[in-house]
Amino acid sequence: MTAGANGLTWHRYSVIALLLLAALTQAQEELAIGIFGPITSISNTFLATAVAFDIDFRKNFEPSLATAFGQPIVTIPNLHQSLQNISIRIGTSNSDPADGVGTALDFFLGLDGETPISGLVGGYHSAISMPVANLGAVQQVPQVSWGSTSPALSNKEQYPYFLRTIPP
């Protein structure tokens, strides 16, 4: 994972971009964002980073979390009321396209009993992002990847809902 300005990792930039995109385009009671990547196959650091991001974000509007863990690392002044209804769902691809697609289907359709997502952060591998981006286009769910570098993913006719924070 490459660190960017202020020590933020590429997938943290992806989450921030997706939160802003979702906040601008959705007006729902609950807004679910899916985050998936090679949690079990490459490094548990990804999982720890995703959980830390979720907790730090919620410390902006949940006083009990701020009391227990301290003030947010990234303070969001004047947090819009609708952003308080965002939930983060974390899944894995296990570096396997079938697992990545399965996780994405659960997220997109709510097959796991949770609220279907409005945006997806991941995957790390282009071979996983491509089929997931096809599903995302059908469901009209934006996907932001921090690690998929295949030039093919730049084709907006084939992958209209795919974005990335890393160059091809």
N, C-alpha and C. Protein backbone atom coordinates (compact mmCIF):
# COMPACT_ATOMS: atom_id res chain seq x y z
N MET A 1 0.83 -1.18 0.00
CA MET A 1 0.00 0.00 0.00
C MET A 1 0.88 1.24 0.00
N THR A 2 0.65 2.09 -0.96
CA THR A 2 1.45 3.28 -1.11
C THR A 2 0.86 4.41 -0.27
N ALA A 3 1.71 5.08 0.47
CA ALA A 3 1.25 6.22 1.27
C ALA A 3 1.24 7.46 0.41
N GLY A 4 0.25 8.29 0.62
CA GLY A 4 0.14 9.55 -0.09
C GLY A 4 0.39 10.70 0.86
N ALA A 5 -0.08 11.86 0.50
CA ALA A 5 0.07 13.05 1.34
C ALA A 5 -0.57 12.82 2.70
N ASN A 6 0.05 13.34 3.72
CA ASN A 6 -0.43 13.20 5.09
C ASN A 6 -0.51 11.75 5.55
N GLY A 7 0.21 10.84 4.89
CA GLY A 7 0.23 9.45 5.32
C GLY A 7 -1.01 8.66 4.96
N LEU A 8 -1.94 9.23 4.18
CA LEU A 8 -3.13 8.50 3.79
C LEU A 8 -2.76 7.46 2.74
N THR A 9 -3.34 6.28 2.84
CA THR A 9 -3.09 5.25 1.85
C THR A 9 -4.04 5.41 0.68
N TRP A 10 -3.70 4.77 -0.44
CA TRP A 10 -4.52 4.89 -1.65
C TRP A 10 -5.95 4.43 -1.41
N HIS A 11 -6.13 3.34 -0.64
CA HIS A 11 -7.50 2.90 -0.45
C HIS A 11 -8.27 3.83 0.48
N ARG A 12 -7.61 4.57 1.34
CA ARG A 12 -8.29 5.58 2.15
C ARG A 12 -8.77 6.72 1.24
N TYR A 13 -7.94 7.11 0.26
CA TYR A 13 -8.39 8.11 -0.71
C TYR A 13 -9.62 7.59 -1.46
N SER A 14 -9.63 6.31 -1.79
CA SER A 14 -10.76 5.72 -2.49
C SER A 14 -12.03 5.82 -1.67
N VAL A 15 -11.93 5.51 -0.38
CA VAL A 15 -13.10 5.59 0.50
C VAL A 15 -13.60 7.02 0.58
N ILE A 16 -12.70 7.97 0.74
CA ILE A 16 -13.09 9.37 0.84
C ILE A 16 -13.77 9.81 -0.45
N ALA A 17 -13.21 9.44 -1.60
CA ALA A 17 -13.81 9.80 -2.89
C ALA A 17 -15.20 9.20 -3.02
N LEU A 18 -15.35 7.96 -2.63
CA LEU A 18 -16.64 7.30 -2.75
C LEU A 18 -17.66 7.89 -1.78
N LEU A 19 -17.25 8.24 -0.58
CA LEU A 19 -18.16 8.88 0.37
C LEU A 19 -18.68 10.20 -0.19
N LEU A 20 -17.79 10.99 -0.77
CA LEU A 20 -18.20 12.27 -1.35
C LEU A 20 -19.14 12.06 -2.53
N LEU A 21 -18.80 11.10 -3.39
CA LEU A 21 -19.65 10.80 -4.54
C LEU A 21 -21.03 10.33 -4.09
N ALA A 22 -21.05 9.44 -3.12
CA ALA A 22 -22.33 8.91 -2.63
C ALA A 22 -23.15 10.00 -1.95
N ALA A 23 -22.51 10.85 -1.19
CA ALA A 23 -23.23 11.92 -0.49
C ALA A 23 -23.85 12.91 -1.48
N LEU A 24 -23.19 13.11 -2.60
CA LEU A 24 -23.70 14.05 -3.58
C LEU A 24 -24.82 13.46 -4.44
N THR A 25 -24.86 12.13 -4.57
CA THR A 25 -25.80 11.53 -5.50
C THR A 25 -26.92 10.74 -4.83
N GLN A 26 -26.84 10.48 -3.55
CA GLN A 26 -27.84 9.65 -2.89
C GLN A 26 -28.50 10.40 -1.74
N ALA A 27 -29.78 10.19 -1.59
CA ALA A 27 -30.50 10.70 -0.43
C ALA A 27 -31.30 9.54 0.13
N GLN A 28 -30.69 8.77 1.01
CA GLN A 28 -31.32 7.58 1.55
C GLN A 28 -31.30 7.66 3.07
N GLU A 29 -32.13 6.82 3.69
CA GLU A 29 -32.07 6.74 5.15
C GLU A 29 -30.74 6.17 5.58
N GLU A 30 -30.33 5.07 4.96
CA GLU A 30 -29.03 4.48 5.26
C GLU A 30 -28.25 4.35 3.97
N LEU A 31 -27.00 4.71 4.03
CA LEU A 31 -26.12 4.62 2.88
C LEU A 31 -25.03 3.62 3.23
N ALA A 32 -24.99 2.52 2.51
CA ALA A 32 -23.99 1.49 2.77
C ALA A 32 -22.89 1.57 1.71
N ILE A 33 -21.65 1.56 2.18
CA ILE A 33 -20.48 1.56 1.31
C ILE A 33 -19.76 0.23 1.52
N GLY A 34 -19.46 -0.47 0.44
CA GLY A 34 -18.73 -1.73 0.53
C GLY A 34 -17.25 -1.50 0.32
N ILE A 35 -16.44 -2.18 1.12
CA ILE A 35 -14.99 -2.14 0.97
C ILE A 35 -14.52 -3.59 0.88
N PHE A 36 -13.81 -3.93 -0.20
CA PHE A 36 -13.30 -5.29 -0.28
C PHE A 36 -11.92 -5.30 -0.90
N GLY A 37 -11.18 -6.33 -0.55
CA GLY A 37 -9.83 -6.48 -1.06
C GLY A 37 -9.26 -7.80 -0.60
N PRO A 38 -7.97 -7.99 -0.80
CA PRO A 38 -7.33 -9.26 -0.46
C PRO A 38 -7.01 -9.37 1.03
N ILE A 39 -8.05 -9.29 1.86
CA ILE A 39 -7.86 -9.25 3.31
C ILE A 39 -7.11 -10.47 3.82
N THR A 40 -7.49 -11.64 3.36
CA THR A 40 -6.90 -12.85 3.91
C THR A 40 -5.73 -13.37 3.09
N SER A 41 -5.61 -12.95 1.84
CA SER A 41 -4.58 -13.52 0.98
C SER A 41 -3.28 -12.73 0.95
N ILE A 42 -3.31 -11.45 1.21
CA ILE A 42 -2.09 -10.65 1.15
C ILE A 42 -1.71 -10.14 2.53
N SER A 43 -2.62 -9.44 3.19
CA SER A 43 -2.25 -8.82 4.46
C SER A 43 -3.48 -8.46 5.26
N ASN A 44 -3.44 -8.71 6.55
CA ASN A 44 -4.52 -8.28 7.43
C ASN A 44 -4.45 -6.78 7.69
N THR A 45 -3.39 -6.12 7.22
CA THR A 45 -3.28 -4.68 7.36
C THR A 45 -4.44 -3.98 6.67
N PHE A 46 -4.88 -4.53 5.53
CA PHE A 46 -6.03 -3.95 4.82
C PHE A 46 -7.25 -3.91 5.73
N LEU A 47 -7.53 -5.03 6.37
CA LEU A 47 -8.69 -5.10 7.27
C LEU A 47 -8.55 -4.09 8.40
N ALA A 48 -7.38 -4.04 9.01
CA ALA A 48 -7.16 -3.11 10.12
C ALA A 48 -7.34 -1.66 9.66
N THR A 49 -6.87 -1.33 8.47
CA THR A 49 -7.01 0.03 7.95
C THR A 49 -8.47 0.37 7.68
N ALA A 50 -9.22 -0.58 7.10
CA ALA A 50 -10.64 -0.33 6.82
C ALA A 50 -11.43 -0.13 8.12
N VAL A 51 -11.17 -0.95 9.11
CA VAL A 51 -11.86 -0.82 10.40
C VAL A 51 -11.48 0.49 11.08
N ALA A 52 -10.19 0.82 11.05
CA ALA A 52 -9.73 2.08 11.67
C ALA A 52 -10.37 3.28 10.98
N PHE A 53 -10.49 3.23 9.64
CA PHE A 53 -11.15 4.32 8.92
C PHE A 53 -12.60 4.46 9.37
N ASP A 54 -13.31 3.34 9.46
CA ASP A 54 -14.72 3.37 9.86
C ASP A 54 -14.87 3.96 11.25
N ILE A 55 -14.05 3.53 12.19
CA ILE A 55 -14.13 4.04 13.56
C ILE A 55 -13.79 5.53 13.59
N ASP A 56 -12.72 5.92 12.88
CA ASP A 56 -12.32 7.33 12.89
C ASP A 56 -13.42 8.21 12.28
N PHE A 57 -14.04 7.76 11.20
CA PHE A 57 -15.13 8.51 10.58
C PHE A 57 -16.28 8.67 11.56
N ARG A 58 -16.68 7.59 12.22
CA ARG A 58 -17.82 7.63 13.14
C ARG A 58 -17.53 8.44 14.41
N LYS A 59 -16.25 8.63 14.74
CA LYS A 59 -15.92 9.47 15.91
C LYS A 59 -16.35 10.92 15.69
N ASN A 60 -16.59 11.32 14.44
CA ASN A 60 -17.04 12.67 14.14
C ASN A 60 -18.47 12.92 14.61
N PHE A 61 -19.27 11.88 14.79
CA PHE A 61 -20.68 12.08 15.18
C PHE A 61 -21.16 11.12 16.26
N GLU A 62 -20.31 10.23 16.74
CA GLU A 62 -20.69 9.34 17.84
C GLU A 62 -19.81 9.68 19.05
N PRO A 63 -20.33 10.49 19.97
CA PRO A 63 -19.53 10.94 21.12
C PRO A 63 -18.94 9.80 21.94
N SER A 64 -19.64 8.67 22.03
CA SER A 64 -19.11 7.56 22.83
C SER A 64 -17.82 7.01 22.23
N LEU A 65 -17.72 6.99 20.91
CA LEU A 65 -16.48 6.53 20.27
C LEU A 65 -15.35 7.53 20.50
N ALA A 66 -15.66 8.82 20.39
CA ALA A 66 -14.64 9.85 20.64
C ALA A 66 -14.17 9.80 22.08
N THR A 67 -15.08 9.52 23.01
CA THR A 67 -14.69 9.41 24.42
C THR A 67 -13.80 8.19 24.64
N ALA A 68 -14.16 7.08 24.02
CA ALA A 68 -13.40 5.83 24.22
C ALA A 68 -12.04 5.84 23.52
N PHE A 69 -11.99 6.42 22.32
CA PHE A 69 -10.77 6.31 21.50
C PHE A 69 -10.09 7.63 21.20
N GLY A 70 -10.62 8.74 21.69
CA GLY A 70 -10.02 10.04 21.41
C GLY A 70 -10.65 10.69 20.20
N GLN A 71 -10.27 11.92 19.95
CA GLN A 71 -10.82 12.69 18.85
C GLN A 71 -10.42 12.07 17.51
N PRO A 72 -11.22 12.33 16.46
CA PRO A 72 -10.90 11.78 15.14
C PRO A 72 -9.54 12.26 14.64
N ILE A 73 -8.86 11.40 13.91
CA ILE A 73 -7.61 11.78 13.26
C ILE A 73 -7.93 12.76 12.13
N VAL A 74 -9.00 12.45 11.38
CA VAL A 74 -9.47 13.32 10.32
C VAL A 74 -10.80 13.91 10.77
N THR A 75 -10.76 15.17 11.23
CA THR A 75 -11.97 15.85 11.69
C THR A 75 -12.72 16.40 10.49
N ILE A 76 -14.02 16.18 10.47
CA ILE A 76 -14.85 16.68 9.38
C ILE A 76 -15.75 17.77 9.96
N PRO A 77 -15.38 19.04 9.75
CA PRO A 77 -16.19 20.12 10.31
C PRO A 77 -17.54 20.21 9.59
N ASN A 78 -18.56 20.60 10.33
CA ASN A 78 -19.90 20.79 9.77
C ASN A 78 -20.37 19.56 8.99
N LEU A 79 -20.20 18.39 9.58
CA LEU A 79 -20.59 17.14 8.95
C LEU A 79 -22.08 17.16 8.64
N HIS A 80 -22.40 16.95 7.38
CA HIS A 80 -23.80 16.96 6.96
C HIS A 80 -24.55 15.82 7.62
N GLN A 81 -25.76 16.09 8.04
CA GLN A 81 -26.58 15.11 8.76
C GLN A 81 -26.70 13.79 8.03
N SER A 82 -26.82 13.82 6.69
CA SER A 82 -27.02 12.59 5.94
C SER A 82 -25.80 11.67 5.99
N LEU A 83 -24.60 12.22 6.22
CA LEU A 83 -23.41 11.38 6.29
C LEU A 83 -23.37 10.55 7.57
N GLN A 84 -24.19 10.88 8.54
CA GLN A 84 -24.21 10.11 9.77
C GLN A 84 -24.91 8.77 9.58
N ASN A 85 -25.57 8.58 8.46
CA ASN A 85 -26.28 7.34 8.18
C ASN A 85 -25.48 6.39 7.29
N ILE A 86 -24.19 6.64 7.16
CA ILE A 86 -23.35 5.79 6.32
C ILE A 86 -22.85 4.60 7.13
N SER A 87 -22.98 3.44 6.54
CA SER A 87 -22.40 2.24 7.17
C SER A 87 -21.35 1.68 6.22
N ILE A 88 -20.29 1.17 6.80
CA ILE A 88 -19.20 0.59 6.03
C ILE A 88 -19.29 -0.93 6.15
N ARG A 89 -19.32 -1.62 5.03
CA ARG A 89 -19.35 -3.08 5.01
C ARG A 89 -18.03 -3.57 4.45
N ILE A 90 -17.39 -4.49 5.14
CA ILE A 90 -16.06 -4.96 4.77
C ILE A 90 -16.13 -6.41 4.33
N GLY A 91 -15.53 -6.71 3.18
CA GLY A 91 -15.50 -8.07 2.66
C GLY A 91 -14.15 -8.39 2.08
N THR A 92 -13.98 -9.62 1.63
CA THR A 92 -12.69 -10.05 1.08
C THR A 92 -12.84 -10.59 -0.32
N SER A 93 -11.76 -10.53 -1.07
CA SER A 93 -11.69 -11.16 -2.38
C SER A 93 -10.79 -12.39 -2.33
N ASN A 94 -10.00 -12.50 -1.28
CA ASN A 94 -9.02 -13.58 -1.15
C ASN A 94 -8.11 -13.69 -2.37
N SER A 95 -7.95 -12.58 -3.09
CA SER A 95 -7.15 -12.53 -4.32
C SER A 95 -7.67 -13.51 -5.38
N ASP A 96 -8.97 -13.80 -5.34
CA ASP A 96 -9.58 -14.75 -6.25
C ASP A 96 -10.80 -14.10 -6.91
N PRO A 97 -10.87 -14.08 -8.26
CA PRO A 97 -12.00 -13.44 -8.92
C PRO A 97 -13.36 -13.97 -8.47
N ALA A 98 -13.50 -15.28 -8.28
CA ALA A 98 -14.79 -15.84 -7.87
C ALA A 98 -15.20 -15.32 -6.48
N ASP A 99 -14.24 -15.27 -5.56
CA ASP A 99 -14.55 -14.74 -4.22
C ASP A 99 -14.89 -13.25 -4.29
N GLY A 100 -14.16 -12.50 -5.11
CA GLY A 100 -14.42 -11.07 -5.26
C GLY A 100 -15.80 -10.81 -5.84
N VAL A 101 -16.18 -11.58 -6.86
CA VAL A 101 -17.50 -11.43 -7.47
C VAL A 101 -18.58 -11.83 -6.46
N GLY A 102 -18.35 -12.90 -5.70
CA GLY A 102 -19.31 -13.32 -4.68
C GLY A 102 -19.53 -12.25 -3.62
N THR A 103 -18.45 -11.66 -3.16
CA THR A 103 -18.55 -10.57 -2.18
C THR A 103 -19.31 -9.39 -2.78
N ALA A 104 -18.98 -9.04 -4.03
CA ALA A 104 -19.66 -7.92 -4.69
C ALA A 104 -21.16 -8.19 -4.85
N LEU A 105 -21.52 -9.42 -5.23
CA LEU A 105 -22.95 -9.75 -5.37
C LEU A 105 -23.67 -9.62 -4.04
N ASP A 106 -23.04 -10.11 -2.96
CA ASP A 106 -23.64 -9.93 -1.63
C ASP A 106 -23.86 -8.45 -1.34
N PHE A 107 -22.85 -7.65 -1.62
CA PHE A 107 -22.92 -6.21 -1.36
C PHE A 107 -23.98 -5.53 -2.25
N PHE A 108 -23.94 -5.80 -3.57
CA PHE A 108 -24.84 -5.13 -4.51
C PHE A 108 -26.31 -5.47 -4.27
N LEU A 109 -26.57 -6.74 -3.99
CA LEU A 109 -27.96 -7.21 -3.91
C LEU A 109 -28.47 -7.39 -2.49
N GLY A 110 -27.59 -7.24 -1.50
CA GLY A 110 -28.01 -7.46 -0.12
C GLY A 110 -28.29 -8.92 0.17
N LEU A 111 -27.61 -9.83 -0.54
CA LEU A 111 -27.85 -11.26 -0.37
C LEU A 111 -27.47 -11.76 1.02
N ASP A 112 -26.67 -10.98 1.72
CA ASP A 112 -26.24 -11.35 3.07
C ASP A 112 -27.16 -10.75 4.14
N GLY A 113 -28.31 -10.21 3.71
CA GLY A 113 -29.27 -9.66 4.66
C GLY A 113 -29.01 -8.21 5.05
N GLU A 114 -27.97 -7.61 4.53
CA GLU A 114 -27.63 -6.22 4.83
C GLU A 114 -28.17 -5.30 3.75
N THR A 115 -28.14 -4.00 4.01
CA THR A 115 -28.56 -3.00 3.04
C THR A 115 -27.66 -3.07 1.81
N PRO A 116 -28.24 -3.13 0.60
CA PRO A 116 -27.41 -3.10 -0.60
C PRO A 116 -26.57 -1.82 -0.63
N ILE A 117 -25.35 -1.94 -1.13
CA ILE A 117 -24.43 -0.81 -1.12
C ILE A 117 -24.76 0.20 -2.22
N SER A 118 -24.32 1.43 -1.99
CA SER A 118 -24.46 2.50 -2.97
C SER A 118 -23.14 2.81 -3.65
N GLY A 119 -22.05 2.24 -3.15
CA GLY A 119 -20.72 2.45 -3.73
C GLY A 119 -19.78 1.39 -3.21
N LEU A 120 -18.73 1.10 -3.97
CA LEU A 120 -17.80 0.04 -3.63
C LEU A 120 -16.36 0.53 -3.75
N VAL A 121 -15.56 0.24 -2.75
CA VAL A 121 -14.13 0.51 -2.77
C VAL A 121 -13.41 -0.82 -2.91
N GLY A 122 -12.61 -0.99 -3.94
CA GLY A 122 -11.87 -2.22 -4.22
C GLY A 122 -12.08 -2.57 -5.68
N GLY A 123 -11.54 -3.57 -6.17
CA GLY A 123 -10.56 -4.46 -5.64
C GLY A 123 -9.15 -3.99 -5.92
N TYR A 124 -8.30 -4.79 -5.39
CA TYR A 124 -6.88 -4.53 -5.48
C TYR A 124 -6.31 -5.06 -6.79
N HIS A 125 -6.85 -6.16 -7.29
CA HIS A 125 -6.35 -6.80 -8.51
C HIS A 125 -7.27 -6.48 -9.69
N SER A 126 -6.68 -6.15 -10.84
CA SER A 126 -7.48 -5.85 -12.04
C SER A 126 -8.34 -7.04 -12.45
N ALA A 127 -7.82 -8.25 -12.29
CA ALA A 127 -8.58 -9.45 -12.69
C ALA A 127 -9.85 -9.60 -11.86
N ILE A 128 -9.90 -8.99 -10.70
CA ILE A 128 -11.10 -9.02 -9.86
C ILE A 128 -11.95 -7.78 -10.15
N SER A 129 -11.32 -6.65 -10.33
CA SER A 129 -12.06 -5.42 -10.59
C SER A 129 -12.86 -5.47 -11.88
N MET A 130 -12.35 -6.15 -12.90
CA MET A 130 -13.05 -6.19 -14.19
C MET A 130 -14.43 -6.83 -14.10
N PRO A 131 -14.56 -8.07 -13.60
CA PRO A 131 -15.91 -8.62 -13.51
C PRO A 131 -16.79 -7.89 -12.50
N VAL A 132 -16.20 -7.39 -11.43
CA VAL A 132 -16.98 -6.64 -10.44
C VAL A 132 -17.46 -5.33 -11.05
N ALA A 133 -16.62 -4.68 -11.86
CA ALA A 133 -17.02 -3.44 -12.52
C ALA A 133 -18.16 -3.68 -13.51
N ASN A 134 -18.16 -4.84 -14.17
CA ASN A 134 -19.28 -5.18 -15.05
C ASN A 134 -20.58 -5.30 -14.25
N LEU A 135 -20.53 -5.97 -13.11
CA LEU A 135 -21.71 -6.07 -12.25
C LEU A 135 -22.13 -4.70 -11.73
N GLY A 136 -21.14 -3.89 -11.34
CA GLY A 136 -21.42 -2.55 -10.85
C GLY A 136 -22.13 -1.70 -11.89
N ALA A 137 -21.75 -1.86 -13.15
CA ALA A 137 -22.41 -1.11 -14.22
C ALA A 137 -23.87 -1.52 -14.35
N VAL A 138 -24.14 -2.82 -14.26
CA VAL A 138 -25.52 -3.30 -14.33
C VAL A 138 -26.34 -2.76 -13.17
N GLN A 139 -25.74 -2.72 -11.98
CA GLN A 139 -26.43 -2.25 -10.78
C GLN A 139 -26.35 -0.72 -10.63
N GLN A 140 -25.58 -0.07 -11.49
CA GLN A 140 -25.34 1.38 -11.44
C GLN A 140 -24.75 1.79 -10.09
N VAL A 141 -23.73 1.03 -9.68
CA VAL A 141 -23.03 1.28 -8.42
C VAL A 141 -21.58 1.66 -8.75
N PRO A 142 -21.15 2.86 -8.35
CA PRO A 142 -19.76 3.25 -8.63
C PRO A 142 -18.77 2.41 -7.84
N GLN A 143 -17.65 2.12 -8.48
CA GLN A 143 -16.55 1.36 -7.87
C GLN A 143 -15.30 2.20 -7.97
N VAL A 144 -14.57 2.35 -6.85
CA VAL A 144 -13.31 3.07 -6.84
C VAL A 144 -12.23 2.10 -6.38
N SER A 145 -11.22 1.90 -7.21
CA SER A 145 -10.13 0.98 -6.88
C SER A 145 -8.85 1.76 -6.59
N TRP A 146 -8.08 1.25 -5.65
CA TRP A 146 -6.80 1.86 -5.32
C TRP A 146 -5.64 1.05 -5.86
N GLY A 147 -5.91 -0.12 -6.46
CA GLY A 147 -4.79 -0.96 -6.88
C GLY A 147 -4.90 -1.55 -8.27
N SER A 148 -6.04 -1.45 -8.91
CA SER A 148 -6.23 -2.06 -10.24
C SER A 148 -5.64 -1.15 -11.31
N THR A 149 -4.63 -1.65 -12.02
CA THR A 149 -3.87 -0.81 -12.95
C THR A 149 -4.05 -1.18 -14.42
N SER A 150 -4.89 -2.15 -14.74
CA SER A 150 -5.05 -2.56 -16.14
C SER A 150 -5.56 -1.39 -16.97
N PRO A 151 -4.89 -1.11 -18.10
CA PRO A 151 -5.38 -0.06 -18.99
C PRO A 151 -6.79 -0.33 -19.51
N ALA A 152 -7.18 -1.59 -19.59
CA ALA A 152 -8.52 -1.94 -20.08
C ALA A 152 -9.61 -1.30 -19.24
N LEU A 153 -9.35 -1.10 -17.94
CA LEU A 153 -10.34 -0.50 -17.05
C LEU A 153 -10.58 0.98 -17.34
N SER A 154 -9.76 1.58 -18.20
CA SER A 154 -9.95 2.98 -18.59
C SER A 154 -11.04 3.13 -19.65
N ASN A 155 -11.51 2.02 -20.20
CA ASN A 155 -12.55 2.04 -21.23
C ASN A 155 -13.89 2.36 -20.57
N LYS A 156 -14.34 3.61 -20.71
CA LYS A 156 -15.58 4.06 -20.05
C LYS A 156 -16.83 3.48 -20.69
N GLU A 157 -16.74 3.01 -21.93
CA GLU A 157 -17.89 2.34 -22.53
C GLU A 157 -18.11 0.98 -21.89
N GLN A 158 -17.03 0.29 -21.58
CA GLN A 158 -17.13 -1.04 -20.97
C GLN A 158 -17.28 -0.96 -19.45
N TYR A 159 -16.63 0.03 -18.82
CA TYR A 159 -16.63 0.14 -17.35
C TYR A 159 -17.07 1.55 -16.94
N PRO A 160 -18.32 1.92 -17.19
CA PRO A 160 -18.76 3.31 -16.96
C PRO A 160 -18.82 3.73 -15.49
N TYR A 161 -18.88 2.78 -14.57
CA TYR A 161 -18.98 3.12 -13.15
C TYR A 161 -17.67 2.86 -12.40
N PHE A 162 -16.61 2.58 -13.14
CA PHE A 162 -15.31 2.27 -12.51
C PHE A 162 -14.43 3.51 -12.47
N LEU A 163 -13.85 3.77 -11.31
CA LEU A 163 -12.91 4.86 -11.10
C LEU A 163 -11.71 4.29 -10.35
N ARG A 164 -10.60 5.00 -10.38
CA ARG A 164 -9.44 4.55 -9.59
C ARG A 164 -8.63 5.73 -9.12
N THR A 165 -7.84 5.47 -8.08
CA THR A 165 -6.98 6.50 -7.51
C THR A 165 -5.51 6.22 -7.80
N ILE A 166 -5.26 5.26 -8.68
CA ILE A 166 -3.91 4.90 -9.08
C ILE A 166 -3.88 4.90 -10.62
N PRO A 167 -2.80 5.37 -11.22
CA PRO A 167 -2.77 5.40 -12.68
C PRO A 167 -2.69 3.99 -13.27
N PRO A 168 -3.19 3.84 -14.52
CA PRO A 168 -3.10 2.54 -15.18
C PRO A 168 -1.66 2.16 -15.46
